[in-house]
């Protein structure tokens, strides 16, 4: 990162801006994937619990 920053200072900062944009894109993409997986897991658990409760109420 330090080498990229030094090179980008020499080349008027375009490389630094591009690198930061790519890093932000990757971090955002990973964060969306993580939260999506958590949401799917939460929905599966909730659906299972509701099914169990309905089954117990039907007894």
C-alpha atoms as a PDB file:
ATOM      1  CA  UNK A   1       0.000   0.000   0.000  1.00  0.00           C
ATOM      2  CA  UNK A   2       2.843   2.381   0.810  1.00  0.00           C
ATOM      3  CA  UNK A   3       4.491   1.682  -2.548  1.00  0.00           C
ATOM      4  CA  UNK A   4       1.176   2.213  -4.349  1.00  0.00           C
ATOM      5  CA  UNK A   5       0.687   5.490  -2.471  1.00  0.00           C
ATOM      6  CA  UNK A   6       4.181   6.730  -3.362  1.00  0.00           C
ATOM      7  CA  UNK A   7       3.778   5.784  -7.028  1.00  0.00           C
ATOM      8  CA  UNK A   8       0.377   7.451  -7.137  1.00  0.00           C
ATOM      9  CA  UNK A   9       1.780  10.686  -5.709  1.00  0.00           C
ATOM     10  CA  UNK A  10       4.236  10.702  -8.594  1.00  0.00           C
ATOM     11  CA  UNK A  11       1.474  10.026 -11.139  1.00  0.00           C
ATOM     12  CA  UNK A  12      -0.850  12.792  -9.842  1.00  0.00           C
ATOM     13  CA  UNK A  13      -2.983  10.598  -7.590  1.00  0.00           C
ATOM     14  CA  UNK A  14      -5.009   8.779 -10.255  1.00  0.00           C
ATOM     15  CA  UNK A  15      -3.645   5.385  -9.249  1.00  0.00           C
ATOM     16  CA  UNK A  16      -4.392   6.053  -5.572  1.00  0.00           C
ATOM     17  CA  UNK A  17      -7.977   7.063  -6.324  1.00  0.00           C
ATOM     18  CA  UNK A  18      -8.437   3.974  -8.502  1.00  0.00           C
ATOM     19  CA  UNK A  19      -6.935   1.688  -5.855  1.00  0.00           C
ATOM     20  CA  UNK A  20      -9.101   3.161  -3.090  1.00  0.00           C
ATOM     21  CA  UNK A  21     -12.194   2.815  -5.288  1.00  0.00           C
ATOM     22  CA  UNK A  22     -11.414  -0.842  -5.987  1.00  0.00           C
ATOM     23  CA  UNK A  23     -10.799  -1.551  -2.281  1.00  0.00           C
ATOM     24  CA  UNK A  24     -14.071   0.147  -1.291  1.00  0.00           C
ATOM     25  CA  UNK A  25     -15.920  -1.855  -3.961  1.00  0.00           C
ATOM     26  CA  UNK A  26     -14.429  -5.149  -2.716  1.00  0.00           C
ATOM     27  CA  UNK A  27     -15.189  -4.344   0.944  1.00  0.00           C
ATOM     28  CA  UNK A  28     -18.754  -3.311   0.120  1.00  0.00           C
ATOM     29  CA  UNK A  29     -19.305  -6.455  -1.954  1.00  0.00           C
ATOM     30  CA  UNK A  30     -17.985  -8.687   0.851  1.00  0.00           C
ATOM     31  CA  UNK A  31     -20.112  -6.855   3.452  1.00  0.00           C
ATOM     32  CA  UNK A  32     -23.240  -7.363   1.333  1.00  0.00           C
ATOM     33  CA  UNK A  33     -22.439 -11.077   0.943  1.00  0.00           C
ATOM     34  CA  UNK A  34     -21.878 -11.491   4.702  1.00  0.00           C
ATOM     35  CA  UNK A  35     -25.088  -9.681   5.673  1.00  0.00           C
ATOM     36  CA  UNK A  36     -27.036 -11.568   2.999  1.00  0.00           C
ATOM     37  CA  UNK A  37     -25.829 -14.902   4.383  1.00  0.00           C
ATOM     38  CA  UNK A  38     -26.772 -13.815   7.915  1.00  0.00           C
ATOM     39  CA  UNK A  39     -30.238 -12.769   6.712  1.00  0.00           C
ATOM     40  CA  UNK A  40     -30.813 -16.067   4.900  1.00  0.00           C
ATOM     41  CA  UNK A  41     -29.724 -18.041   7.973  1.00  0.00           C
ATOM     42  CA  UNK A  42     -31.953 -15.908  10.226  1.00  0.00           C
ATOM     43  CA  UNK A  43     -34.941 -16.455   7.922  1.00  0.00           C
ATOM     44  CA  UNK A  44     -34.369 -20.225   7.869  1.00  0.00           C
ATOM     45  CA  UNK A  45     -34.182 -20.359  11.682  1.00  0.00           C
ATOM     46  CA  UNK A  46     -37.309 -18.217  12.028  1.00  0.00           C
ATOM     47  CA  UNK A  47     -39.225 -20.362   9.537  1.00  0.00           C
ATOM     48  CA  UNK A  48     -38.172 -23.528  11.356  1.00  0.00           C
ATOM     49  CA  UNK A  49     -39.252 -22.114  14.713  1.00  0.00           C
ATOM     50  CA  UNK A  50     -42.622 -21.057  13.317  1.00  0.00           C
ATOM     51  CA  UNK A  51     -43.135 -24.540  11.864  1.00  0.00           C
ATOM     52  CA  UNK A  52     -42.271 -26.139  15.211  1.00  0.00           C
ATOM     53  CA  UNK A  53     -44.659 -23.825  17.073  1.00  0.00           C
ATOM     54  CA  UNK A  54     -47.473 -24.563  14.607  1.00  0.00           C
ATOM     55  CA  UNK A  55     -46.820 -28.290  14.953  1.00  0.00           C
ATOM     56  CA  UNK A  56     -46.874 -28.080  18.755  1.00  0.00           C
ATOM     57  CA  UNK A  57     -50.096 -26.068  18.702  1.00  0.00           C
ATOM     58  CA  UNK A  58     -51.741 -28.637  16.465  1.00  0.00           C
ATOM     59  CA  UNK A  59     -51.141 -31.459  18.964  1.00  0.00           C
END
